[in-house]
Every structure is written in structure tokens, then in C-alpha cells.
Amino acid sequence: MTTTQHPPAEPSEVRVVDKAQYALAAAIGVAGAYVIYDATTLRKGFADQPVQPYAVPYVVGVALVLLAVLLAVATARGDVAESEEGEDVDLTQGSDWVTVGKLIAVFVLNLALISWLGWAITGALLFAGTAHVLGARSIVRSLAIGVVLSVGTWYGFYSGLGLAIPAGILDGVL
């Protein structure tokens, strides 16, 4: 018995529409509309201010609405994002729950100790612990980087922004 195979018909252009992108466009549009609405409720600043307090929210709101429209149009045209190749991730393997558990333990330890030890110390421990769990080779280097980052952010919040974050046992030293 023989079968005859005909060459495949000319492939028609398949139009892929990712409906989830419409939901994302709607969410971005709603967020932009809310930002614009919220900007209308702001009071005017001083007359000598060249940029009033409501100017930036209007710009951000309009940009969000514009991006939502552009995303909806691109989706309607069939544009879809490229899927992640996952070159460094083996998607056939399961989750590493031990690592997730260790990270949760580091975060919980930070939450438990921050009011007593303060951010400068617990921030450094948080950085070093997270880096160690995720495979950093040198705990000393991770701790040194963590100290620089946590003390720098403490001073940035305290001096730069005027926001007090816990100093803990270093109160009076920092």
C-alpha cells in the first residue's frame, strides 16, 4: 500500500493574541487613571514654585495611560513577548526548598533582631546571610559589603531623608 503525500499548503499567517496582555494593559490604564484623579485632589503649592506638586503625578499618570494604550494596540497587532530561554535555569528540576527555607530563616532572624540590634547590624547580617545562602564564597567579604550598605542606608535615611530607622545597640554611636 502506498500513500501519496502532498506538499503542505502554504502556511497562513497565524495571529497569536496573548489575552493576558490585555489584562495587564487594563491594570496599567486603571493605575494611570487613578494617579491622574489623585493629582486633581492635590492643593496648589506656593505661587513662587515653578513646578507645582501636582505636575509630576499628571506626567506619570498620562505616561501610564499612554503605555496601556500602546500595549493594547501592540497586543491587538499580535506582538508577543519572547519567551525566556532559561539558559541558566533548568526548568525540569524542582524547587530548592532548603534554600528557600534558609532565606526565610535569614529574613525572620532580621525581623526578630532589628529592634534590639538596629538596622546597621541586622542589615549587614541580612546581606551576608542572604549572600551566603545563595552561594557567596567569602563570608568576610559579604559581611564587609553588608556593613557598608547597611550603615550607608542608615545614614541615608536618617540624615538624607530625616527618617529614623532603628539604631538598636548602636544608638548614640551612629
N, C-alpha and C. Protein backbone atom coordinates (compact mmCIF):
# COMPACT_ATOMS: atom_id res chain seq x y z
N MET A 1 0.84 -1.15 0.00
CA MET A 1 0.00 0.00 0.00
C MET A 1 0.89 1.23 0.00
N THR A 2 0.62 2.12 -0.86
CA THR A 2 1.39 3.35 -0.94
C THR A 2 0.48 4.53 -0.64
N THR A 3 1.09 5.54 -0.04
CA THR A 3 0.33 6.76 0.24
C THR A 3 0.99 7.91 -0.49
N THR A 4 0.20 8.78 -0.89
CA THR A 4 0.71 9.97 -1.58
C THR A 4 0.72 11.13 -0.60
N GLN A 5 1.86 11.75 -0.54
CA GLN A 5 1.96 12.91 0.34
C GLN A 5 1.98 14.16 -0.51
N HIS A 6 1.11 15.04 -0.17
CA HIS A 6 1.07 16.31 -0.88
C HIS A 6 1.89 17.32 -0.09
N PRO A 7 2.54 18.22 -0.79
CA PRO A 7 3.28 19.24 -0.06
C PRO A 7 2.31 20.05 0.80
N PRO A 8 2.77 20.44 1.96
CA PRO A 8 1.87 21.19 2.84
C PRO A 8 1.41 22.48 2.18
N ALA A 9 0.20 22.81 2.48
CA ALA A 9 -0.33 24.06 1.95
C ALA A 9 0.49 25.22 2.50
N GLU A 10 0.46 26.29 1.75
CA GLU A 10 1.23 27.45 2.18
C GLU A 10 0.75 27.89 3.56
N PRO A 11 1.69 28.01 4.50
CA PRO A 11 1.27 28.35 5.86
C PRO A 11 0.65 29.74 5.89
N SER A 12 -0.53 29.78 6.45
CA SER A 12 -1.16 31.09 6.60
C SER A 12 -0.56 31.77 7.83
N GLU A 13 -0.63 33.05 7.80
CA GLU A 13 -0.06 33.80 8.91
C GLU A 13 -0.92 33.57 10.15
N VAL A 14 -0.32 32.93 11.16
CA VAL A 14 -1.03 32.65 12.39
C VAL A 14 -0.89 33.85 13.30
N ARG A 15 -2.01 34.33 13.75
CA ARG A 15 -2.01 35.51 14.61
C ARG A 15 -2.20 35.06 16.05
N VAL A 16 -1.19 35.31 16.84
CA VAL A 16 -1.24 34.93 18.24
C VAL A 16 -1.63 36.15 19.06
N VAL A 17 -2.64 35.97 19.88
CA VAL A 17 -3.08 37.07 20.74
C VAL A 17 -2.97 36.60 22.19
N ASP A 18 -2.14 37.27 22.94
CA ASP A 18 -1.96 36.95 24.35
C ASP A 18 -2.94 37.78 25.15
N LYS A 19 -4.04 37.16 25.56
CA LYS A 19 -5.10 37.90 26.24
C LYS A 19 -4.67 38.41 27.61
N ALA A 20 -3.67 37.80 28.21
CA ALA A 20 -3.18 38.28 29.50
C ALA A 20 -2.57 39.68 29.36
N GLN A 21 -2.06 39.99 28.18
CA GLN A 21 -1.50 41.33 27.98
C GLN A 21 -2.60 42.38 28.00
N TYR A 22 -3.82 42.01 27.57
CA TYR A 22 -4.94 42.95 27.68
C TYR A 22 -5.25 43.24 29.15
N ALA A 23 -5.19 42.22 29.99
CA ALA A 23 -5.43 42.43 31.42
C ALA A 23 -4.35 43.34 32.01
N LEU A 24 -3.10 43.12 31.60
CA LEU A 24 -2.01 43.98 32.08
C LEU A 24 -2.21 45.41 31.59
N ALA A 25 -2.61 45.58 30.33
CA ALA A 25 -2.86 46.92 29.80
C ALA A 25 -4.00 47.60 30.57
N ALA A 26 -5.03 46.84 30.89
CA ALA A 26 -6.15 47.41 31.66
C ALA A 26 -5.70 47.82 33.05
N ALA A 27 -4.89 46.99 33.70
CA ALA A 27 -4.40 47.32 35.04
C ALA A 27 -3.52 48.57 35.01
N ILE A 28 -2.66 48.67 34.01
CA ILE A 28 -1.81 49.85 33.88
C ILE A 28 -2.67 51.09 33.60
N GLY A 29 -3.68 50.94 32.76
CA GLY A 29 -4.57 52.05 32.46
C GLY A 29 -5.34 52.52 33.68
N VAL A 30 -5.84 51.57 34.48
CA VAL A 30 -6.57 51.93 35.71
C VAL A 30 -5.63 52.63 36.68
N ALA A 31 -4.41 52.12 36.81
CA ALA A 31 -3.44 52.76 37.70
C ALA A 31 -3.14 54.18 37.23
N GLY A 32 -2.97 54.37 35.92
CA GLY A 32 -2.71 55.70 35.39
C GLY A 32 -3.87 56.65 35.60
N ALA A 33 -5.09 56.14 35.39
CA ALA A 33 -6.28 56.98 35.61
C ALA A 33 -6.40 57.38 37.07
N TYR A 34 -6.09 56.45 37.98
CA TYR A 34 -6.16 56.78 39.40
C TYR A 34 -5.10 57.81 39.78
N VAL A 35 -3.92 57.70 39.23
CA VAL A 35 -2.87 58.68 39.52
C VAL A 35 -3.29 60.07 39.02
N ILE A 36 -3.91 60.12 37.84
CA ILE A 36 -4.39 61.41 37.32
C ILE A 36 -5.49 61.96 38.23
N TYR A 37 -6.44 61.09 38.61
CA TYR A 37 -7.50 61.54 39.51
C TYR A 37 -6.91 62.05 40.83
N ASP A 38 -5.96 61.30 41.39
CA ASP A 38 -5.36 61.68 42.66
C ASP A 38 -4.62 63.01 42.54
N ALA A 39 -4.05 63.27 41.38
CA ALA A 39 -3.34 64.54 41.17
C ALA A 39 -4.31 65.72 41.20
N THR A 40 -5.56 65.48 40.82
CA THR A 40 -6.53 66.58 40.85
C THR A 40 -6.92 66.96 42.27
N THR A 41 -6.67 66.08 43.23
CA THR A 41 -7.03 66.36 44.62
C THR A 41 -5.92 67.09 45.38
N LEU A 42 -4.74 67.22 44.78
CA LEU A 42 -3.63 67.91 45.45
C LEU A 42 -3.85 69.41 45.44
N ARG A 43 -3.46 70.04 46.53
CA ARG A 43 -3.56 71.50 46.61
C ARG A 43 -2.38 72.13 45.89
N LYS A 44 -2.60 73.36 45.46
CA LYS A 44 -1.51 74.10 44.82
C LYS A 44 -0.47 74.45 45.87
N GLY A 45 0.77 74.50 45.44
CA GLY A 45 1.87 74.88 46.33
C GLY A 45 1.99 76.39 46.39
N PHE A 46 3.13 76.85 46.75
CA PHE A 46 3.39 78.28 46.81
C PHE A 46 3.43 78.84 45.40
N ALA A 47 3.05 80.07 45.26
CA ALA A 47 2.98 80.70 43.94
C ALA A 47 4.34 80.82 43.28
N ASP A 48 5.40 80.89 44.08
CA ASP A 48 6.73 81.07 43.50
C ASP A 48 7.37 79.75 43.07
N GLN A 49 6.68 78.64 43.26
CA GLN A 49 7.22 77.35 42.84
C GLN A 49 7.02 77.19 41.33
N PRO A 50 8.10 76.95 40.60
CA PRO A 50 7.93 76.79 39.14
C PRO A 50 7.19 75.49 38.79
N VAL A 51 7.38 74.47 39.59
CA VAL A 51 6.71 73.20 39.35
C VAL A 51 5.81 72.93 40.56
N GLN A 52 4.53 72.86 40.30
CA GLN A 52 3.56 72.63 41.37
C GLN A 52 3.55 71.15 41.78
N PRO A 53 3.06 70.84 42.98
CA PRO A 53 3.09 69.46 43.46
C PRO A 53 2.32 68.48 42.59
N TYR A 54 1.35 68.94 41.84
CA TYR A 54 0.54 68.03 41.04
C TYR A 54 1.14 67.76 39.66
N ALA A 55 2.23 68.43 39.30
CA ALA A 55 2.79 68.30 37.96
C ALA A 55 3.33 66.89 37.70
N VAL A 56 4.10 66.37 38.61
CA VAL A 56 4.71 65.05 38.40
C VAL A 56 3.65 63.94 38.36
N PRO A 57 2.67 63.93 39.26
CA PRO A 57 1.65 62.89 39.14
C PRO A 57 0.88 62.94 37.81
N TYR A 58 0.64 64.15 37.29
CA TYR A 58 0.00 64.23 35.98
C TYR A 58 0.86 63.59 34.90
N VAL A 59 2.15 63.86 34.92
CA VAL A 59 3.07 63.29 33.92
C VAL A 59 3.10 61.77 34.05
N VAL A 60 3.21 61.27 35.28
CA VAL A 60 3.26 59.83 35.50
C VAL A 60 1.94 59.18 35.08
N GLY A 61 0.81 59.78 35.45
CA GLY A 61 -0.49 59.23 35.10
C GLY A 61 -0.71 59.18 33.60
N VAL A 62 -0.37 60.26 32.92
CA VAL A 62 -0.53 60.29 31.46
C VAL A 62 0.40 59.26 30.81
N ALA A 63 1.62 59.14 31.32
CA ALA A 63 2.55 58.15 30.77
C ALA A 63 2.01 56.73 30.96
N LEU A 64 1.43 56.45 32.12
CA LEU A 64 0.86 55.12 32.35
C LEU A 64 -0.31 54.84 31.41
N VAL A 65 -1.19 55.80 31.24
CA VAL A 65 -2.32 55.61 30.33
C VAL A 65 -1.82 55.42 28.90
N LEU A 66 -0.84 56.20 28.49
CA LEU A 66 -0.27 56.07 27.15
C LEU A 66 0.36 54.69 26.96
N LEU A 67 1.10 54.23 27.95
CA LEU A 67 1.71 52.90 27.87
C LEU A 67 0.65 51.80 27.81
N ALA A 68 -0.44 51.97 28.54
CA ALA A 68 -1.53 51.00 28.50
C ALA A 68 -2.14 50.93 27.10
N VAL A 69 -2.36 52.08 26.49
CA VAL A 69 -2.92 52.11 25.13
C VAL A 69 -1.95 51.47 24.15
N LEU A 70 -0.67 51.81 24.26
CA LEU A 70 0.32 51.23 23.36
C LEU A 70 0.42 49.71 23.52
N LEU A 71 0.33 49.22 24.76
CA LEU A 71 0.36 47.78 24.98
C LEU A 71 -0.87 47.10 24.38
N ALA A 72 -2.03 47.72 24.54
CA ALA A 72 -3.25 47.15 23.96
C ALA A 72 -3.17 47.11 22.44
N VAL A 73 -2.66 48.17 21.83
CA VAL A 73 -2.52 48.20 20.37
C VAL A 73 -1.52 47.14 19.91
N ALA A 74 -0.39 47.04 20.60
CA ALA A 74 0.62 46.04 20.24
C ALA A 74 0.06 44.64 20.38
N THR A 75 -0.74 44.40 21.41
CA THR A 75 -1.34 43.09 21.61
C THR A 75 -2.33 42.79 20.50
N ALA A 76 -3.12 43.77 20.13
CA ALA A 76 -4.09 43.58 19.05
C ALA A 76 -3.40 43.28 17.72
N ARG A 77 -2.22 43.83 17.53
CA ARG A 77 -1.46 43.58 16.31
C ARG A 77 -0.77 42.23 16.31
N GLY A 78 -0.78 41.55 17.46
CA GLY A 78 -0.18 40.22 17.52
C GLY A 78 1.22 40.20 18.08
N ASP A 79 1.70 41.32 18.57
CA ASP A 79 3.03 41.33 19.17
C ASP A 79 3.00 40.57 20.48
N VAL A 80 3.91 39.65 20.65
CA VAL A 80 4.03 38.91 21.90
C VAL A 80 5.47 38.97 22.36
N ALA A 81 5.64 38.92 23.64
CA ALA A 81 7.00 38.95 24.20
C ALA A 81 7.69 37.63 23.92
N GLU A 82 8.99 37.69 23.77
CA GLU A 82 9.75 36.46 23.57
C GLU A 82 9.78 35.68 24.87
N SER A 83 9.64 34.39 24.75
CA SER A 83 9.68 33.57 25.96
C SER A 83 11.11 33.47 26.47
N GLU A 84 11.23 33.33 27.76
CA GLU A 84 12.53 33.23 28.40
C GLU A 84 13.18 31.91 28.02
N GLU A 85 14.41 32.00 27.58
CA GLU A 85 15.13 30.78 27.20
C GLU A 85 15.56 29.98 28.41
N GLY A 86 15.77 30.66 29.53
CA GLY A 86 16.17 29.97 30.74
C GLY A 86 17.53 29.31 30.62
N GLU A 87 18.48 30.03 30.07
CA GLU A 87 19.79 29.45 29.82
C GLU A 87 20.50 29.00 31.09
N ASP A 88 20.25 29.67 32.19
CA ASP A 88 20.92 29.29 33.42
C ASP A 88 19.98 28.63 34.41
N VAL A 89 18.77 28.30 33.97
CA VAL A 89 17.79 27.68 34.84
C VAL A 89 17.32 26.39 34.19
N ASP A 90 17.39 25.32 34.93
CA ASP A 90 16.88 24.04 34.44
C ASP A 90 15.44 23.90 34.90
N LEU A 91 14.52 24.13 33.98
CA LEU A 91 13.10 24.13 34.34
C LEU A 91 12.56 22.74 34.62
N THR A 92 13.35 21.72 34.33
CA THR A 92 12.88 20.36 34.62
C THR A 92 13.12 19.97 36.07
N GLN A 93 13.97 20.72 36.76
CA GLN A 93 14.27 20.43 38.16
C GLN A 93 13.22 21.09 39.07
N GLY A 94 13.03 20.50 40.21
CA GLY A 94 12.09 21.05 41.18
C GLY A 94 12.69 22.23 41.93
N SER A 95 11.90 22.83 42.77
CA SER A 95 12.37 23.96 43.58
C SER A 95 13.30 23.48 44.68
N ASP A 96 14.25 24.32 45.02
CA ASP A 96 15.19 24.01 46.09
C ASP A 96 14.62 24.58 47.39
N TRP A 97 13.79 23.79 48.05
CA TRP A 97 13.08 24.26 49.24
C TRP A 97 14.01 24.46 50.43
N VAL A 98 15.14 23.80 50.43
CA VAL A 98 16.10 24.01 51.52
C VAL A 98 16.64 25.44 51.45
N THR A 99 16.99 25.89 50.25
CA THR A 99 17.48 27.25 50.09
C THR A 99 16.40 28.26 50.43
N VAL A 100 15.18 28.01 49.99
CA VAL A 100 14.06 28.90 50.31
C VAL A 100 13.87 28.97 51.83
N GLY A 101 13.95 27.83 52.49
CA GLY A 101 13.81 27.80 53.95
C GLY A 101 14.91 28.58 54.65
N LYS A 102 16.14 28.46 54.15
CA LYS A 102 17.26 29.21 54.74
C LYS A 102 17.06 30.71 54.55
N LEU A 103 16.59 31.12 53.37
CA LEU A 103 16.33 32.54 53.13
C LEU A 103 15.23 33.07 54.05
N ILE A 104 14.19 32.28 54.22
CA ILE A 104 13.11 32.69 55.14
C ILE A 104 13.66 32.82 56.55
N ALA A 105 14.53 31.90 56.95
CA ALA A 105 15.12 31.97 58.29
C ALA A 105 15.96 33.23 58.46
N VAL A 106 16.71 33.62 57.43
CA VAL A 106 17.52 34.84 57.49
C VAL A 106 16.61 36.07 57.64
N PHE A 107 15.51 36.11 56.88
CA PHE A 107 14.59 37.25 56.96
C PHE A 107 13.88 37.30 58.32
N VAL A 108 13.46 36.15 58.82
CA VAL A 108 12.79 36.12 60.12
C VAL A 108 13.75 36.54 61.22
N LEU A 109 15.00 36.09 61.15
CA LEU A 109 16.02 36.50 62.12
C LEU A 109 16.21 38.02 62.07
N ASN A 110 16.22 38.59 60.87
CA ASN A 110 16.34 40.04 60.74
C ASN A 110 15.16 40.74 61.40
N LEU A 111 13.96 40.25 61.15
CA LEU A 111 12.77 40.86 61.76
C LEU A 111 12.79 40.76 63.28
N ALA A 112 13.28 39.65 63.79
CA ALA A 112 13.30 39.44 65.23
C ALA A 112 14.35 40.31 65.93
N LEU A 113 15.45 40.60 65.26
CA LEU A 113 16.55 41.29 65.92
C LEU A 113 16.66 42.78 65.60
N ILE A 114 15.91 43.28 64.65
CA ILE A 114 16.12 44.66 64.19
C ILE A 114 15.84 45.70 65.28
N SER A 115 14.84 45.48 66.11
CA SER A 115 14.56 46.49 67.13
C SER A 115 15.61 46.48 68.24
N TRP A 116 16.22 45.34 68.49
CA TRP A 116 17.23 45.25 69.55
C TRP A 116 18.62 45.63 69.02
N LEU A 117 19.04 45.02 67.90
CA LEU A 117 20.39 45.29 67.37
C LEU A 117 20.44 46.51 66.47
N GLY A 118 19.32 46.86 65.84
CA GLY A 118 19.30 48.01 64.94
C GLY A 118 19.59 47.61 63.50
N TRP A 119 19.28 48.53 62.60
CA TRP A 119 19.43 48.24 61.17
C TRP A 119 20.89 48.09 60.75
N ALA A 120 21.78 48.87 61.31
CA ALA A 120 23.18 48.81 60.88
C ALA A 120 23.75 47.41 61.06
N ILE A 121 23.38 46.74 62.13
CA ILE A 121 23.91 45.39 62.38
C ILE A 121 23.07 44.35 61.63
N THR A 122 21.74 44.42 61.78
CA THR A 122 20.92 43.38 61.16
C THR A 122 20.91 43.50 59.64
N GLY A 123 21.07 44.71 59.10
CA GLY A 123 21.17 44.86 57.65
C GLY A 123 22.41 44.17 57.11
N ALA A 124 23.51 44.31 57.84
CA ALA A 124 24.75 43.62 57.44
C ALA A 124 24.58 42.11 57.53
N LEU A 125 23.95 41.64 58.61
CA LEU A 125 23.70 40.21 58.75
C LEU A 125 22.74 39.70 57.68
N LEU A 126 21.74 40.51 57.35
CA LEU A 126 20.79 40.14 56.31
C LEU A 126 21.49 39.97 54.97
N PHE A 127 22.33 40.93 54.61
CA PHE A 127 23.06 40.85 53.34
C PHE A 127 24.00 39.66 53.33
N ALA A 128 24.80 39.52 54.39
CA ALA A 128 25.78 38.43 54.44
C ALA A 128 25.09 37.07 54.47
N GLY A 129 24.02 36.95 55.24
CA GLY A 129 23.31 35.68 55.31
C GLY A 129 22.68 35.30 53.98
N THR A 130 22.05 36.27 53.33
CA THR A 130 21.44 36.01 52.03
C THR A 130 22.49 35.65 51.00
N ALA A 131 23.58 36.39 50.98
CA ALA A 131 24.67 36.10 50.03
C ALA A 131 25.24 34.71 50.27
N HIS A 132 25.42 34.34 51.54
CA HIS A 132 25.95 33.02 51.87
C HIS A 132 25.00 31.90 51.42
N VAL A 133 23.71 32.08 51.70
CA VAL A 133 22.73 31.07 51.31
C VAL A 133 22.69 30.91 49.79
N LEU A 134 22.87 32.02 49.07
CA LEU A 134 22.80 31.97 47.61
C LEU A 134 24.13 31.61 46.96
N GLY A 135 25.16 31.32 47.78
CA GLY A 135 26.39 30.77 47.22
C GLY A 135 27.61 31.64 47.23
N ALA A 136 27.62 32.74 47.98
CA ALA A 136 28.82 33.57 48.07
C ALA A 136 29.94 32.75 48.71
N ARG A 137 31.15 32.93 48.22
CA ARG A 137 32.26 32.12 48.71
C ARG A 137 32.89 32.70 49.97
N SER A 138 32.92 34.02 50.09
CA SER A 138 33.61 34.64 51.21
C SER A 138 32.62 35.32 52.14
N ILE A 139 32.44 34.76 53.32
CA ILE A 139 31.53 35.35 54.29
C ILE A 139 32.07 36.67 54.83
N VAL A 140 33.39 36.80 54.91
CA VAL A 140 34.01 38.03 55.41
C VAL A 140 33.74 39.17 54.42
N ARG A 141 33.91 38.90 53.14
CA ARG A 141 33.65 39.93 52.14
C ARG A 141 32.16 40.30 52.13
N SER A 142 31.29 39.31 52.24
CA SER A 142 29.85 39.58 52.28
C SER A 142 29.49 40.43 53.49
N LEU A 143 30.10 40.12 54.64
CA LEU A 143 29.84 40.90 55.84
C LEU A 143 30.34 42.33 55.68
N ALA A 144 31.51 42.50 55.08
CA ALA A 144 32.06 43.85 54.88
C ALA A 144 31.16 44.66 53.94
N ILE A 145 30.72 44.05 52.86
CA ILE A 145 29.81 44.74 51.94
C ILE A 145 28.50 45.05 52.65
N GLY A 146 28.00 44.11 53.44
CA GLY A 146 26.76 44.33 54.19
C GLY A 146 26.87 45.48 55.17
N VAL A 147 28.02 45.60 55.86
CA VAL A 147 28.23 46.70 56.80
C VAL A 147 28.21 48.03 56.06
N VAL A 148 28.91 48.11 54.95
CA VAL A 148 28.95 49.36 54.17
C VAL A 148 27.54 49.73 53.70
N LEU A 149 26.80 48.74 53.17
CA LEU A 149 25.45 49.01 52.67
C LEU A 149 24.49 49.40 53.79
N SER A 150 24.52 48.66 54.89
CA SER A 150 23.55 48.94 55.95
C SER A 150 23.84 50.26 56.66
N VAL A 151 25.10 50.55 56.94
CA VAL A 151 25.43 51.83 57.57
C VAL A 151 25.15 52.97 56.60
N GLY A 152 25.47 52.76 55.33
CA GLY A 152 25.18 53.79 54.32
C GLY A 152 23.69 54.06 54.18
N THR A 153 22.88 53.01 54.17
CA THR A 153 21.43 53.23 54.07
C THR A 153 20.88 53.83 55.36
N TRP A 154 21.46 53.46 56.50
CA TRP A 154 21.01 54.05 57.77
C TRP A 154 21.23 55.56 57.74
N TYR A 155 22.44 55.98 57.35
CA TYR A 155 22.72 57.41 57.28
C TYR A 155 21.92 58.09 56.18
N GLY A 156 21.69 57.39 55.08
CA GLY A 156 20.88 57.95 54.00
C GLY A 156 19.46 58.24 54.45
N PHE A 157 18.87 57.30 55.19
CA PHE A 157 17.52 57.52 55.68
C PHE A 157 17.49 58.55 56.81
N TYR A 158 18.44 58.43 57.73
CA TYR A 158 18.42 59.30 58.91
C TYR A 158 18.81 60.74 58.57
N SER A 159 19.93 60.90 57.90
CA SER A 159 20.42 62.24 57.60
C SER A 159 19.82 62.80 56.32
N GLY A 160 19.78 61.97 55.29
CA GLY A 160 19.31 62.46 53.99
C GLY A 160 17.82 62.68 53.92
N LEU A 161 17.04 61.74 54.44
CA LEU A 161 15.58 61.83 54.34
C LEU A 161 14.91 62.26 55.65
N GLY A 162 15.66 62.24 56.73
CA GLY A 162 15.09 62.62 58.02
C GLY A 162 14.18 61.56 58.61
N LEU A 163 14.35 60.32 58.20
CA LEU A 163 13.54 59.22 58.71
C LEU A 163 14.36 58.39 59.68
N ALA A 164 13.80 58.18 60.84
CA ALA A 164 14.52 57.41 61.85
C ALA A 164 14.24 55.92 61.65
N ILE A 165 15.30 55.17 61.46
CA ILE A 165 15.20 53.71 61.46
C ILE A 165 15.98 53.22 62.66
N PRO A 166 15.66 52.05 63.17
CA PRO A 166 16.24 51.62 64.44
C PRO A 166 17.77 51.59 64.44
N ALA A 167 18.34 52.24 65.45
CA ALA A 167 19.80 52.20 65.62
C ALA A 167 20.18 51.07 66.56
N GLY A 168 19.23 50.62 67.38
CA GLY A 168 19.48 49.50 68.28
C GLY A 168 20.56 49.79 69.28
N ILE A 169 21.45 48.81 69.48
CA ILE A 169 22.50 48.96 70.48
C ILE A 169 23.55 49.99 70.07
N LEU A 170 23.52 50.42 68.81
CA LEU A 170 24.45 51.45 68.36
C LEU A 170 23.88 52.85 68.50
N ASP A 171 22.77 52.99 69.21
CA ASP A 171 22.18 54.31 69.43
C ASP A 171 23.18 55.18 70.20
N GLY A 172 23.49 56.31 69.67
CA GLY A 172 24.49 57.19 70.26
C GLY A 172 25.84 57.04 69.59
N VAL A 173 26.08 55.91 68.97
CA VAL A 173 27.35 55.69 68.25
C VAL A 173 27.22 56.16 66.81
N LEU A 174 26.08 55.85 66.20
CA LEU A 174 25.87 56.25 64.80
C LEU A 174 25.47 57.70 64.72
